[in-house]
Amino acid sequence: MQRKFLIGVIGGAVAMVAVGAVGTHLLADPESTTELDEHSTVIVDGHKALAPGIVAGRVQSKYHPLPWVGSKVSEVTCPAGLKAQAGATVTCTGQQDGGKPLSIPVTVIKADVGSITWKFER
């Protein structure tokens, strides 16, 4: 009887850890896919680009989604739009707790006429 109870407790703990790990992965994923429409698109060097405010807002909200993932950042800004071309990059800036400056590289993974998939580095 005690053995079945112990197996149940261990199984339950393993299941909770697995659910926590999946939740952390989903919330902390630094990759985003964003539609390119009239509200999100700007032109940079003659190319469609994701507006800098949208990139900055998404980075700031996803940089520290959970207390055990990443550092809390504020005042994230991006100097220009993120060109809708695979490999395009922009470096956004922000502040960590205590006001320490932070550089946040952002890279386009893939892009087409209607959307852009990009990621940032922690």
PDB file of N, CA and C in Angstrom:
ATOM      1  N   MET A   1       0.821  -1.196   0.000  1.00  0.00           N
ATOM      2  CA  MET A   1       0.000   0.000   0.000  1.00  0.00           C
ATOM      3  C   MET A   1       0.870   1.267   0.000  1.00  0.00           C
ATOM      4  N   GLN A   2       1.901   1.278   0.862  1.00  0.00           N
ATOM      5  CA  GLN A   2       2.775   2.434   0.927  1.00  0.00           C
ATOM      6  C   GLN A   2       3.547   2.616  -0.380  1.00  0.00           C
ATOM      7  N   ARG A   3       3.900   1.503  -1.009  1.00  0.00           N
ATOM      8  CA  ARG A   3       4.642   1.581  -2.273  1.00  0.00           C
ATOM      9  C   ARG A   3       3.800   2.246  -3.353  1.00  0.00           C
ATOM     10  N   LYS A   4       2.533   1.892  -3.464  1.00  0.00           N
ATOM     11  CA  LYS A   4       1.651   2.517  -4.456  1.00  0.00           C
ATOM     12  C   LYS A   4       1.502   4.007  -4.180  1.00  0.00           C
ATOM     13  N   PHE A   5       1.400   4.368  -2.912  1.00  0.00           N
ATOM     14  CA  PHE A   5       1.286   5.776  -2.551  1.00  0.00           C
ATOM     15  C   PHE A   5       2.542   6.538  -2.963  1.00  0.00           C
ATOM     16  N   LEU A   6       3.698   5.959  -2.663  1.00  0.00           N
ATOM     17  CA  LEU A   6       4.974   6.593  -3.003  1.00  0.00           C
ATOM     18  C   LEU A   6       5.124   6.750  -4.514  1.00  0.00           C
ATOM     19  N   ILE A   7       4.748   5.724  -5.270  1.00  0.00           N
ATOM     20  CA  ILE A   7       4.801   5.804  -6.733  1.00  0.00           C
ATOM     21  C   ILE A   7       3.861   6.893  -7.237  1.00  0.00           C
ATOM     22  N   GLY A   8       2.680   7.005  -6.650  1.00  0.00           N
ATOM     23  CA  GLY A   8       1.725   8.051  -7.036  1.00  0.00           C
ATOM     24  C   GLY A   8       2.257   9.445  -6.752  1.00  0.00           C
ATOM     25  N   VAL A   9       2.883   9.622  -5.583  1.00  0.00           N
ATOM     26  CA  VAL A   9       3.449  10.929  -5.225  1.00  0.00           C
ATOM     27  C   VAL A   9       4.578  11.304  -6.186  1.00  0.00           C
ATOM     28  N   ILE A  10       5.466  10.358  -6.460  1.00  0.00           N
ATOM     29  CA  ILE A  10       6.579  10.629  -7.378  1.00  0.00           C
ATOM     30  C   ILE A  10       6.056  10.915  -8.783  1.00  0.00           C
ATOM     31  N   GLY A  11       5.093  10.127  -9.236  1.00  0.00           N
ATOM     32  CA  GLY A  11       4.499  10.364 -10.562  1.00  0.00           C
ATOM     33  C   GLY A  11       3.845  11.732 -10.655  1.00  0.00           C
ATOM     34  N   GLY A  12       3.128  12.125  -9.597  1.00  0.00           N
ATOM     35  CA  GLY A  12       2.496  13.449  -9.580  1.00  0.00           C
ATOM     36  C   GLY A  12       3.522  14.570  -9.617  1.00  0.00           C
ATOM     37  N   ALA A  13       4.618  14.407  -8.869  1.00  0.00           N
ATOM     38  CA  ALA A  13       5.667  15.430  -8.855  1.00  0.00           C
ATOM     39  C   ALA A  13       6.328  15.548 -10.229  1.00  0.00           C
ATOM     40  N   VAL A  14       6.593  14.411 -10.865  1.00  0.00           N
ATOM     41  CA  VAL A  14       7.195  14.433 -12.205  1.00  0.00           C
ATOM     42  C   VAL A  14       6.260  15.121 -13.197  1.00  0.00           C
ATOM     43  N   ALA A  15       4.970  14.838 -13.108  1.00  0.00           N
ATOM     44  CA  ALA A  15       3.990  15.466 -14.003  1.00  0.00           C
ATOM     45  C   ALA A  15       3.955  16.979 -13.793  1.00  0.00           C
ATOM     46  N   MET A  16       4.007  17.444 -12.546  1.00  0.00           N
ATOM     47  CA  MET A  16       3.978  18.887 -12.268  1.00  0.00           C
ATOM     48  C   MET A  16       5.228  19.573 -12.817  1.00  0.00           C
ATOM     49  N   VAL A  17       6.379  18.919 -12.676  1.00  0.00           N
ATOM     50  CA  VAL A  17       7.614  19.491 -13.218  1.00  0.00           C
ATOM     51  C   VAL A  17       7.528  19.579 -14.739  1.00  0.00           C
ATOM     52  N   ALA A  18       6.996  18.548 -15.374  1.00  0.00           N
ATOM     53  CA  ALA A  18       6.864  18.554 -16.835  1.00  0.00           C
ATOM     54  C   ALA A  18       5.932  19.673 -17.296  1.00  0.00           C
ATOM     55  N   VAL A  19       4.800  19.844 -16.629  1.00  0.00           N
ATOM     56  CA  VAL A  19       3.868  20.918 -16.988  1.00  0.00           C
ATOM     57  C   VAL A  19       4.528  22.278 -16.788  1.00  0.00           C
ATOM     58  N   GLY A  20       5.278  22.445 -15.701  1.00  0.00           N
ATOM     59  CA  GLY A  20       5.994  23.696 -15.456  1.00  0.00           C
ATOM     60  C   GLY A  20       7.031  23.983 -16.521  1.00  0.00           C
ATOM     61  N   ALA A  21       7.745  22.945 -16.943  1.00  0.00           N
ATOM     62  CA  ALA A  21       8.769  23.125 -17.979  1.00  0.00           C
ATOM     63  C   ALA A  21       8.143  23.534 -19.310  1.00  0.00           C
ATOM     64  N   VAL A  22       7.041  22.902 -19.675  1.00  0.00           N
ATOM     65  CA  VAL A  22       6.359  23.253 -20.933  1.00  0.00           C
ATOM     66  C   VAL A  22       5.820  24.680 -20.851  1.00  0.00           C
ATOM     67  N   GLY A  23       5.217  25.036 -19.723  1.00  0.00           N
ATOM     68  CA  GLY A  23       4.708  26.400 -19.544  1.00  0.00           C
ATOM     69  C   GLY A  23       5.811  27.440 -19.627  1.00  0.00           C
ATOM     70  N   THR A  24       6.941  27.153 -18.997  1.00  0.00           N
ATOM     71  CA  THR A  24       8.086  28.069 -19.056  1.00  0.00           C
ATOM     72  C   THR A  24       8.566  28.232 -20.488  1.00  0.00           C
ATOM     73  N   HIS A  25       8.675  27.131 -21.218  1.00  0.00           N
ATOM     74  CA  HIS A  25       9.125  27.205 -22.614  1.00  0.00           C
ATOM     75  C   HIS A  25       8.178  28.062 -23.456  1.00  0.00           C
ATOM     76  N   LEU A  26       6.882  27.858 -23.284  1.00  0.00           N
ATOM     77  CA  LEU A  26       5.918  28.614 -24.084  1.00  0.00           C
ATOM     78  C   LEU A  26       5.938  30.098 -23.750  1.00  0.00           C
ATOM     79  N   LEU A  27       6.031  30.438 -22.476  1.00  0.00           N
ATOM     80  CA  LEU A  27       6.022  31.843 -22.072  1.00  0.00           C
ATOM     81  C   LEU A  27       7.347  32.547 -22.338  1.00  0.00           C
ATOM     82  N   ALA A  28       8.443  31.807 -22.278  1.00  0.00           N
ATOM     83  CA  ALA A  28       9.762  32.428 -22.387  1.00  0.00           C
ATOM     84  C   ALA A  28      10.346  32.387 -23.788  1.00  0.00           C
ATOM     85  N   ASP A  29       9.632  31.838 -24.739  1.00  0.00           N
ATOM     86  CA  ASP A  29      10.151  31.713 -26.098  1.00  0.00           C
ATOM     87  C   ASP A  29      10.459  33.093 -26.674  1.00  0.00           C
ATOM     88  N   PRO A  30      11.718  33.362 -27.036  1.00  0.00           N
ATOM     89  CA  PRO A  30      12.078  34.677 -27.555  1.00  0.00           C
ATOM     90  C   PRO A  30      11.715  34.868 -29.028  1.00  0.00           C
ATOM     91  N   GLU A  31      11.055  33.888 -29.627  1.00  0.00           N
ATOM     92  CA  GLU A  31      10.684  33.978 -31.035  1.00  0.00           C
ATOM     93  C   GLU A  31       9.244  34.473 -31.178  1.00  0.00           C
ATOM     94  N   SER A  32       9.017  35.333 -32.157  1.00  0.00           N
ATOM     95  CA  SER A  32       7.682  35.868 -32.427  1.00  0.00           C
ATOM     96  C   SER A  32       7.426  35.892 -33.922  1.00  0.00           C
ATOM     97  N   THR A  33       6.177  35.681 -34.289  1.00  0.00           N
ATOM     98  CA  THR A  33       5.754  35.886 -35.673  1.00  0.00           C
ATOM     99  C   THR A  33       4.710  36.990 -35.639  1.00  0.00           C
ATOM    100  N   THR A  34       4.917  38.003 -36.454  1.00  0.00           N
ATOM    101  CA  THR A  34       4.056  39.173 -36.454  1.00  0.00           C
ATOM    102  C   THR A  34       3.580  39.456 -37.873  1.00  0.00           C
ATOM    103  N   GLU A  35       2.295  39.742 -38.007  1.00  0.00           N
ATOM    104  CA  GLU A  35       1.753  40.110 -39.315  1.00  0.00           C
ATOM    105  C   GLU A  35       2.269  41.476 -39.733  1.00  0.00           C
ATOM    106  N   LEU A  36       2.482  41.618 -41.017  1.00  0.00           N
ATOM    107  CA  LEU A  36       2.865  42.917 -41.575  1.00  0.00           C
ATOM    108  C   LEU A  36       1.613  43.515 -42.217  1.00  0.00           C
ATOM    109  N   ASP A  37       1.029  44.472 -41.539  1.00  0.00           N
ATOM    110  CA  ASP A  37      -0.158  45.136 -42.058  1.00  0.00           C
ATOM    111  C   ASP A  37       0.030  46.651 -41.969  1.00  0.00           C
ATOM    112  N   GLU A  38      -0.994  47.395 -42.300  1.00  0.00           N
ATOM    113  CA  GLU A  38      -0.857  48.858 -42.322  1.00  0.00           C
ATOM    114  C   GLU A  38      -0.579  49.451 -40.944  1.00  0.00           C
ATOM    115  N   HIS A  39      -0.875  48.716 -39.865  1.00  0.00           N
ATOM    116  CA  HIS A  39      -0.656  49.228 -38.509  1.00  0.00           C
ATOM    117  C   HIS A  39       0.726  48.873 -37.961  1.00  0.00           C
ATOM    118  N   SER A  40       1.353  47.840 -38.507  1.00  0.00           N
ATOM    119  CA  SER A  40       2.625  47.372 -37.956  1.00  0.00           C
ATOM    120  C   SER A  40       3.821  47.616 -38.873  1.00  0.00           C
ATOM    121  N   THR A  41       3.575  48.068 -40.090  1.00  0.00           N
ATOM    122  CA  THR A  41       4.642  48.156 -41.085  1.00  0.00           C
ATOM    123  C   THR A  41       5.138  49.581 -41.278  1.00  0.00           C
ATOM    124  N   VAL A  42       6.451  49.697 -41.385  1.00  0.00           N
ATOM    125  CA  VAL A  42       7.104  50.941 -41.790  1.00  0.00           C
ATOM    126  C   VAL A  42       8.033  50.573 -42.938  1.00  0.00           C
ATOM    127  N   ILE A  43       8.591  51.571 -43.586  1.00  0.00           N
ATOM    128  CA  ILE A  43       9.538  51.337 -44.672  1.00  0.00           C
ATOM    129  C   ILE A  43      10.929  51.742 -44.192  1.00  0.00           C
ATOM    130  N   VAL A  44      11.893  50.820 -44.342  1.00  0.00           N
ATOM    131  CA  VAL A  44      13.285  51.091 -43.977  1.00  0.00           C
ATOM    132  C   VAL A  44      14.140  50.752 -45.195  1.00  0.00           C
ATOM    133  N   ASP A  45      14.867  51.740 -45.699  1.00  0.00           N
ATOM    134  CA  ASP A  45      15.718  51.558 -46.890  1.00  0.00           C
ATOM    135  C   ASP A  45      14.949  50.930 -48.053  1.00  0.00           C
ATOM    136  N   GLY A  46      13.703  51.337 -48.240  1.00  0.00           N
ATOM    137  CA  GLY A  46      12.893  50.845 -49.342  1.00  0.00           C
ATOM    138  C   GLY A  46      12.275  49.472 -49.132  1.00  0.00           C
ATOM    139  N   HIS A  47      12.432  48.885 -47.950  1.00  0.00           N
ATOM    140  CA  HIS A  47      11.891  47.562 -47.653  1.00  0.00           C
ATOM    141  C   HIS A  47      10.837  47.646 -46.560  1.00  0.00           C
ATOM    142  N   LYS A  48       9.850  46.730 -46.632  1.00  0.00           N
ATOM    143  CA  LYS A  48       8.894  46.608 -45.540  1.00  0.00           C
ATOM    144  C   LYS A  48       9.651  46.256 -44.274  1.00  0.00           C
ATOM    145  N   ALA A  49       9.199  46.808 -43.152  1.00  0.00           N
ATOM    146  CA  ALA A  49       9.837  46.521 -41.869  1.00  0.00           C
ATOM    147  C   ALA A  49       8.779  46.557 -40.774  1.00  0.00           C
ATOM    148  N   LEU A  50       9.038  45.803 -39.721  1.00  0.00           N
ATOM    149  CA  LEU A  50       8.172  45.827 -38.550  1.00  0.00           C
ATOM    150  C   LEU A  50       8.506  47.082 -37.757  1.00  0.00           C
ATOM    151  N   ALA A  51       7.494  47.841 -37.378  1.00  0.00           N
ATOM    152  CA  ALA A  51       7.695  49.119 -36.689  1.00  0.00           C
ATOM    153  C   ALA A  51       8.514  48.930 -35.407  1.00  0.00           C
ATOM    154  N   PRO A  52       9.419  49.863 -35.129  1.00  0.00           N
ATOM    155  CA  PRO A  52      10.288  49.726 -33.958  1.00  0.00           C
ATOM    156  C   PRO A  52       9.525  49.658 -32.635  1.00  0.00           C
ATOM    157  N   GLY A  53       8.426  50.353 -32.522  1.00  0.00           N
ATOM    158  CA  GLY A  53       7.640  50.318 -31.283  1.00  0.00           C
ATOM    159  C   GLY A  53       7.034  48.951 -31.012  1.00  0.00           C
ATOM    160  N   ILE A  54       6.663  48.245 -32.069  1.00  0.00           N
ATOM    161  CA  ILE A  54       6.102  46.903 -31.912  1.00  0.00           C
ATOM    162  C   ILE A  54       7.191  45.933 -31.467  1.00  0.00           C
ATOM    163  N   VAL A  55       8.359  46.025 -32.085  1.00  0.00           N
ATOM    164  CA  VAL A  55       9.477  45.165 -31.694  1.00  0.00           C
ATOM    165  C   VAL A  55       9.842  45.429 -30.230  1.00  0.00           C
ATOM    166  N   ALA A  56       9.978  46.692 -29.865  1.00  0.00           N
ATOM    167  CA  ALA A  56      10.363  47.052 -28.494  1.00  0.00           C
ATOM    168  C   ALA A  56       9.332  46.554 -27.476  1.00  0.00           C
ATOM    169  N   GLY A  57       8.069  46.746 -27.769  1.00  0.00           N
ATOM    170  CA  GLY A  57       7.022  46.305 -26.844  1.00  0.00           C
ATOM    171  C   GLY A  57       7.004  44.806 -26.644  1.00  0.00           C
ATOM    172  N   ARG A  58       7.149  44.057 -27.727  1.00  0.00           N
ATOM    173  CA  ARG A  58       7.144  42.591 -27.629  1.00  0.00           C
ATOM    174  C   ARG A  58       8.373  42.103 -26.871  1.00  0.00           C
ATOM    175  N   VAL A  59       9.541  42.684 -27.165  1.00  0.00           N
ATOM    176  CA  VAL A  59      10.769  42.283 -26.463  1.00  0.00           C
ATOM    177  C   VAL A  59      10.619  42.554 -24.965  1.00  0.00           C
ATOM    178  N   GLN A  60      10.142  43.732 -24.614  1.00  0.00           N
ATOM    179  CA  GLN A  60      10.013  44.076 -23.196  1.00  0.00           C
ATOM    180  C   GLN A  60       9.043  43.146 -22.485  1.00  0.00           C
ATOM    181  N   SER A  61       7.943  42.796 -23.126  1.00  0.00           N
ATOM    182  CA  SER A  61       6.949  41.939 -22.475  1.00  0.00           C
ATOM    183  C   SER A  61       7.407  40.490 -22.368  1.00  0.00           C
ATOM    184  N   LYS A  62       8.241  40.024 -23.298  1.00  0.00           N
ATOM    185  CA  LYS A  62       8.667  38.628 -23.288  1.00  0.00           C
ATOM    186  C   LYS A  62      10.056  38.412 -22.676  1.00  0.00           C
ATOM    187  N   TYR A  63      10.777  39.468 -22.406  1.00  0.00           N
ATOM    188  CA  TYR A  63      12.143  39.323 -21.891  1.00  0.00           C
ATOM    189  C   TYR A  63      12.148  38.689 -20.499  1.00  0.00           C
ATOM    190  N   HIS A  64      11.188  39.025 -19.686  1.00  0.00           N
ATOM    191  CA  HIS A  64      11.108  38.553 -18.301  1.00  0.00           C
ATOM    192  C   HIS A  64       9.687  38.076 -18.003  1.00  0.00           C
ATOM    193  N   PRO A  65       9.237  36.993 -18.663  1.00  0.00           N
ATOM    194  CA  PRO A  65       7.855  36.561 -18.474  1.00  0.00           C
ATOM    195  C   PRO A  65       7.613  35.870 -17.150  1.00  0.00           C
ATOM    196  N   LEU A  66       8.637  35.278 -16.568  1.00  0.00           N
ATOM    197  CA  LEU A  66       8.524  34.550 -15.305  1.00  0.00           C
ATOM    198  C   LEU A  66       9.738  34.889 -14.450  1.00  0.00           C
ATOM    199  N   PRO A  67       9.606  34.865 -13.134  1.00  0.00           N
ATOM    200  CA  PRO A  67      10.728  35.259 -12.266  1.00  0.00           C
ATOM    201  C   PRO A  67      12.004  34.455 -12.487  1.00  0.00           C
ATOM    202  N   TRP A  68      11.904  33.227 -12.934  1.00  0.00           N
ATOM    203  CA  TRP A  68      13.099  32.394 -13.103  1.00  0.00           C
ATOM    204  C   TRP A  68      13.626  32.410 -14.544  1.00  0.00           C
ATOM    205  N   VAL A  69      13.065  33.252 -15.406  1.00  0.00           N
ATOM    206  CA  VAL A  69      13.503  33.334 -16.800  1.00  0.00           C
ATOM    207  C   VAL A  69      13.900  34.767 -17.116  1.00  0.00           C
ATOM    208  N   GLY A  70      15.143  34.983 -17.449  1.00  0.00           N
ATOM    209  CA  GLY A  70      15.584  36.301 -17.882  1.00  0.00           C
ATOM    210  C   GLY A  70      15.615  37.327 -16.766  1.00  0.00           C
ATOM    211  N   SER A  71      15.993  38.515 -17.111  1.00  0.00           N
ATOM    212  CA  SER A  71      16.048  39.643 -16.183  1.00  0.00           C
ATOM    213  C   SER A  71      14.908  40.587 -16.518  1.00  0.00           C
ATOM    214  N   LYS A  72      14.447  41.314 -15.527  1.00  0.00           N
ATOM    215  CA  LYS A  72      13.406  42.299 -15.772  1.00  0.00           C
ATOM    216  C   LYS A  72      14.030  43.499 -16.483  1.00  0.00           C
ATOM    217  N   VAL A  73      13.397  43.938 -17.565  1.00  0.00           N
ATOM    218  CA  VAL A  73      13.888  45.096 -18.304  1.00  0.00           C
ATOM    219  C   VAL A  73      12.783  46.130 -18.429  1.00  0.00           C
ATOM    220  N   SER A  74      13.191  47.360 -18.639  1.00  0.00           N
ATOM    221  CA  SER A  74      12.230  48.448 -18.849  1.00  0.00           C
ATOM    222  C   SER A  74      12.796  49.384 -19.903  1.00  0.00           C
ATOM    223  N   GLU A  75      11.971  50.281 -20.338  1.00  0.00           N
ATOM    224  CA  GLU A  75      12.364  51.327 -21.287  1.00  0.00           C
ATOM    225  C   GLU A  75      13.069  50.775 -22.528  1.00  0.00           C
ATOM    226  N   VAL A  76      12.530  49.676 -23.077  1.00  0.00           N
ATOM    227  CA  VAL A  76      13.119  49.101 -24.286  1.00  0.00           C
ATOM    228  C   VAL A  76      12.752  49.982 -25.484  1.00  0.00           C
ATOM    229  N   THR A  77      13.749  50.305 -26.282  1.00  0.00           N
ATOM    230  CA  THR A  77      13.545  51.064 -27.519  1.00  0.00           C
ATOM    231  C   THR A  77      14.382  50.423 -28.620  1.00  0.00           C
ATOM    232  N   CYS A  78      13.927  50.587 -29.834  1.00  0.00           N
ATOM    233  CA  CYS A  78      14.659  50.085 -30.999  1.00  0.00           C
ATOM    234  C   CYS A  78      14.899  51.273 -31.931  1.00  0.00           C
ATOM    235  N   PRO A  79      16.104  51.391 -32.480  1.00  0.00           N
ATOM    236  CA  PRO A  79      16.454  52.574 -33.264  1.00  0.00           C
ATOM    237  C   PRO A  79      15.749  52.680 -34.612  1.00  0.00           C
ATOM    238  N   ALA A  80      15.314  51.542 -35.156  1.00  0.00           N
ATOM    239  CA  ALA A  80      14.675  51.542 -36.479  1.00  0.00           C
ATOM    240  C   ALA A  80      13.786  50.316 -36.577  1.00  0.00           C
ATOM    241  N   GLY A  81      13.002  50.276 -37.638  1.00  0.00           N
ATOM    242  CA  GLY A  81      12.179  49.108 -37.885  1.00  0.00           C
ATOM    243  C   GLY A  81      13.029  47.898 -38.225  1.00  0.00           C
ATOM    244  N   LEU A  82      12.463  46.715 -38.038  1.00  0.00           N
ATOM    245  CA  LEU A  82      13.143  45.462 -38.326  1.00  0.00           C
ATOM    246  C   LEU A  82      12.766  45.025 -39.733  1.00  0.00           C
ATOM    247  N   LYS A  83      13.738  45.127 -40.665  1.00  0.00           N
ATOM    248  CA  LYS A  83      13.468  44.812 -42.073  1.00  0.00           C
ATOM    249  C   LYS A  83      12.917  43.401 -42.221  1.00  0.00           C
ATOM    250  N   ALA A  84      11.944  43.262 -43.092  1.00  0.00           N
ATOM    251  CA  ALA A  84      11.319  41.970 -43.363  1.00  0.00           C
ATOM    252  C   ALA A  84      12.162  41.186 -44.356  1.00  0.00           C
ATOM    253  N   GLN A  85      13.382  40.866 -43.963  1.00  0.00           N
ATOM    254  CA  GLN A  85      14.318  40.085 -44.769  1.00  0.00           C
ATOM    255  C   GLN A  85      15.041  39.125 -43.828  1.00  0.00           C
ATOM    256  N   ALA A  86      15.089  37.850 -44.190  1.00  0.00           N
ATOM    257  CA  ALA A  86      15.795  36.877 -43.360  1.00  0.00           C
ATOM    258  C   ALA A  86      17.226  37.336 -43.118  1.00  0.00           C
ATOM    259  N   GLY A  87      17.656  37.280 -41.874  1.00  0.00           N
ATOM    260  CA  GLY A  87      19.003  37.687 -41.505  1.00  0.00           C
ATOM    261  C   GLY A  87      19.146  39.139 -41.091  1.00  0.00           C
ATOM    262  N   ALA A  88      18.114  39.952 -41.334  1.00  0.00           N
ATOM    263  CA  ALA A  88      18.186  41.359 -40.932  1.00  0.00           C
ATOM    264  C   ALA A  88      18.277  41.443 -39.409  1.00  0.00           C
ATOM    265  N   THR A  89      18.996  42.443 -38.926  1.00  0.00           N
ATOM    266  CA  THR A  89      19.165  42.604 -37.482  1.00  0.00           C
ATOM    267  C   THR A  89      18.966  44.056 -37.072  1.00  0.00           C
ATOM    268  N   VAL A  90      18.660  44.228 -35.811  1.00  0.00           N
ATOM    269  CA  VAL A  90      18.613  45.533 -35.179  1.00  0.00           C
ATOM    270  C   VAL A  90      18.964  45.288 -33.712  1.00  0.00           C
ATOM    271  N   THR A  91      19.620  46.238 -33.090  1.00  0.00           N
ATOM    272  CA  THR A  91      19.942  46.099 -31.672  1.00  0.00           C
ATOM    273  C   THR A  91      19.119  47.097 -30.887  1.00  0.00           C
ATOM    274  N   CYS A  92      18.224  46.565 -30.068  1.00  0.00           N
ATOM    275  CA  CYS A  92      17.392  47.394 -29.209  1.00  0.00           C
ATOM    276  C   CYS A  92      18.130  47.613 -27.886  1.00  0.00           C
ATOM    277  N   THR A  93      17.723  48.628 -27.152  1.00  0.00           N
ATOM    278  CA  THR A  93      18.333  48.895 -25.852  1.00  0.00           C
ATOM    279  C   THR A  93      17.245  48.951 -24.794  1.00  0.00           C
ATOM    280  N   GLY A  94      17.638  48.695 -23.571  1.00  0.00           N
ATOM    281  CA  GLY A  94      16.720  48.751 -22.441  1.00  0.00           C
ATOM    282  C   GLY A  94      17.522  48.953 -21.176  1.00  0.00           C
ATOM    283  N   GLN A  95      16.820  48.870 -20.065  1.00  0.00           N
ATOM    284  CA  GLN A  95      17.472  49.001 -18.764  1.00  0.00           C
ATOM    285  C   GLN A  95      17.087  47.829 -17.887  1.00  0.00           C
ATOM    286  N   GLN A  96      18.084  47.245 -17.224  1.00  0.00           N
ATOM    287  CA  GLN A  96      17.830  46.207 -16.240  1.00  0.00           C
ATOM    288  C   GLN A  96      17.448  46.875 -14.931  1.00  0.00           C
ATOM    289  N   ASP A  97      17.012  46.066 -13.966  1.00  0.00           N
ATOM    290  CA  ASP A  97      16.760  46.601 -12.630  1.00  0.00           C
ATOM    291  C   ASP A  97      17.995  47.348 -12.162  1.00  0.00           C
ATOM    292  N   GLY A  98      17.809  48.480 -11.557  1.00  0.00           N
ATOM    293  CA  GLY A  98      18.931  49.289 -11.096  1.00  0.00           C
ATOM    294  C   GLY A  98      19.442  50.257 -12.136  1.00  0.00           C
ATOM    295  N   GLY A  99      18.843  50.279 -13.340  1.00  0.00           N
ATOM    296  CA  GLY A  99      19.219  51.245 -14.357  1.00  0.00           C
ATOM    297  C   GLY A  99      20.399  50.843 -15.225  1.00  0.00           C
ATOM    298  N   LYS A 100      20.905  49.623 -15.086  1.00  0.00           N
ATOM    299  CA  LYS A 100      22.038  49.186 -15.903  1.00  0.00           C
ATOM    300  C   LYS A 100      21.603  49.053 -17.362  1.00  0.00           C
ATOM    301  N   PRO A 101      22.329  49.691 -18.317  1.00  0.00           N
ATOM    302  CA  PRO A 101      21.971  49.607 -19.739  1.00  0.00           C
ATOM    303  C   PRO A 101      22.121  48.180 -20.274  1.00  0.00           C
ATOM    304  N   LEU A 102      21.300  47.856 -21.253  1.00  0.00           N
ATOM    305  CA  LEU A 102      21.283  46.519 -21.815  1.00  0.00           C
ATOM    306  C   LEU A 102      21.091  46.600 -23.322  1.00  0.00           C
ATOM    307  N   SER A 103      21.902  45.860 -24.080  1.00  0.00           N
ATOM    308  CA  SER A 103      21.734  45.741 -25.531  1.00  0.00           C
ATOM    309  C   SER A 103      21.019  44.427 -25.810  1.00  0.00           C
ATOM    310  N   ILE A 104      20.023  44.480 -26.701  1.00  0.00           N
ATOM    311  CA  ILE A 104      19.216  43.304 -27.015  1.00  0.00           C
ATOM    312  C   ILE A 104      19.220  43.094 -28.531  1.00  0.00           C
ATOM    313  N   PRO A 105      20.034  42.158 -29.025  1.00  0.00           N
ATOM    314  CA  PRO A 105      20.056  41.873 -30.460  1.00  0.00           C
ATOM    315  C   PRO A 105      18.757  41.195 -30.912  1.00  0.00           C
ATOM    316  N   VAL A 106      18.232  41.644 -32.043  1.00  0.00           N
ATOM    317  CA  VAL A 106      17.010  41.080 -32.616  1.00  0.00           C
ATOM    318  C   VAL A 106      17.333  40.678 -34.050  1.00  0.00           C
ATOM    319  N   THR A 107      16.927  39.461 -34.443  1.00  0.00           N
ATOM    320  CA  THR A 107      17.252  38.925 -35.763  1.00  0.00           C
ATOM    321  C   THR A 107      16.009  38.361 -36.436  1.00  0.00           C
ATOM    322  N   VAL A 108      15.875  38.606 -37.735  1.00  0.00           N
ATOM    323  CA  VAL A 108      14.779  38.038 -38.511  1.00  0.00           C
ATOM    324  C   VAL A 108      15.154  36.610 -38.910  1.00  0.00           C
ATOM    325  N   ILE A 109      14.262  35.672 -38.615  1.00  0.00           N
ATOM    326  CA  ILE A 109      14.472  34.270 -38.975  1.00  0.00           C
ATOM    327  C   ILE A 109      13.934  34.011 -40.375  1.00  0.00           C
ATOM    328  N   LYS A 110      12.716  34.481 -40.642  1.00  0.00           N
ATOM    329  CA  LYS A 110      12.142  34.365 -41.986  1.00  0.00           C
ATOM    330  C   LYS A 110      11.108  35.461 -42.172  1.00  0.00           C
ATOM    331  N   ALA A 111      10.854  35.770 -43.426  1.00  0.00           N
ATOM    332  CA  ALA A 111       9.889  36.817 -43.738  1.00  0.00           C
ATOM    333  C   ALA A 111       9.240  36.512 -45.075  1.00  0.00           C
ATOM    334  N   ASP A 112       7.981  36.914 -45.209  1.00  0.00           N
ATOM    335  CA  ASP A 112       7.292  36.854 -46.495  1.00  0.00           C
ATOM    336  C   ASP A 112       6.469  38.128 -46.619  1.00  0.00           C
ATOM    337  N   VAL A 113       5.636  38.230 -47.629  1.00  0.00           N
ATOM    338  CA  VAL A 113       4.898  39.473 -47.855  1.00  0.00           C
ATOM    339  C   VAL A 113       3.912  39.794 -46.741  1.00  0.00           C
ATOM    340  N   GLY A 114       3.478  38.793 -45.985  1.00  0.00           N
ATOM    341  CA  GLY A 114       2.453  39.036 -44.972  1.00  0.00           C
ATOM    342  C   GLY A 114       2.879  38.929 -43.530  1.00  0.00           C
ATOM    343  N   SER A 115       4.084  38.391 -43.269  1.00  0.00           N
ATOM    344  CA  SER A 115       4.500  38.239 -41.876  1.00  0.00           C
ATOM    345  C   SER A 115       6.021  38.168 -41.760  1.00  0.00           C
ATOM    346  N   ILE A 116       6.467  38.323 -40.522  1.00  0.00           N
ATOM    347  CA  ILE A 116       7.885  38.282 -40.210  1.00  0.00           C
ATOM    348  C   ILE A 116       8.055  37.446 -38.941  1.00  0.00           C
ATOM    349  N   THR A 117       9.003  36.521 -38.958  1.00  0.00           N
ATOM    350  CA  THR A 117       9.322  35.727 -37.769  1.00  0.00           C
ATOM    351  C   THR A 117      10.700  36.165 -37.308  1.00  0.00           C
ATOM    352  N   TRP A 118      10.792  36.529 -36.041  1.00  0.00           N
ATOM    353  CA  TRP A 118      12.016  37.095 -35.512  1.00  0.00           C
ATOM    354  C   TRP A 118      12.229  36.632 -34.080  1.00  0.00           C
ATOM    355  N   LYS A 119      13.458  36.809 -33.598  1.00  0.00           N
ATOM    356  CA  LYS A 119      13.762  36.445 -32.210  1.00  0.00           C
ATOM    357  C   LYS A 119      14.740  37.442 -31.621  1.00  0.00           C
ATOM    358  N   PHE A 120      14.761  37.491 -30.306  1.00  0.00           N
ATOM    359  CA  PHE A 120      15.719  38.334 -29.609  1.00  0.00           C
ATOM    360  C   PHE A 120      16.587  37.451 -28.726  1.00  0.00           C
ATOM    361  N   GLU A 121      17.718  37.998 -28.309  1.00  0.00           N
ATOM    362  CA  GLU A 121      18.631  37.264 -27.432  1.00  0.00           C
ATOM    363  C   GLU A 121      18.574  37.848 -26.032  1.00  0.00           C
ATOM    364  N   ARG A 122      18.597  36.967 -25.047  1.00  0.00           N
ATOM    365  CA  ARG A 122      18.636  37.392 -23.640  1.00  0.00           C
ATOM    366  C   ARG A 122      20.082  37.521 -23.225  1.00  0.00           C
TER     367      ARG A 122
END
